[in-house]
Amino acid sequence: MRNFTHLNVHSDHSLLKGFGTIKEYVDKAKENGQSAIALTDNNSMTGIYKFIKYCESSGIKPIPGITLNIAPNGVDFKDTFTFDENNINLIPNRGANTTLTVLAKNQNGLRNLFKLIELSYEESNFFIVPRVDLNILKEYKNDLIIMSGSVESELGIRMELKQSQEFLDYIQNMKNIFGDNFFI
């Protein structure tokens, strides 16, 4: 596993999503011979300082990140989750929150992550959960890597719903915004 790096790890600082501690994850990465690990807690950067310091003291490269809630129709759109005609599948372009995983390339990227999490908790952006939209993310995109995210991402939901054209349109839009810093 020497050439493998976990890029989407949720610690116990990730409310309702994470389980292991930062120390447990970093120790396991070191035990497995990995040279780096990312921490991408959901809407929280409370463990980032501890993560960076413990990684550095363990000889592991820390990759700070976050899993952000994204408002696909913009943060001004405040409506409840919308489902299809059978009330089964979430429709991501109708007010639902999706997710993206965002990593910092360097110190400036880390500052941008802190700004994004701060903005996500502002009253004007918060709706059910802290969130930003693509316009806000675009404003702070410098020195960030944007990953398509999990099954809770817009890409994951589009795939699950077999929305092929919307899936491809989303990828093209993300590539137009983030260029080579967007990864699936």
Foldseek 3Di string as FASTA:
>chain_A
DQPDEAAEAADPQQPPPHHHHLLVVLVVCVVVNYQEYEYAHELDDPCVVVNCVVCVVSNHHYKYKYKFWAFACWLQDADDFDAPPVNPATDRNRGDIFIKIKIAQDPLSVVLRVVQSVQQPDPSRDHVGRHGYVVSCLVSVPRMAIEQDDCRGNLNSCVVVVVVVVNVVVVVVCCVRNPPSYYD
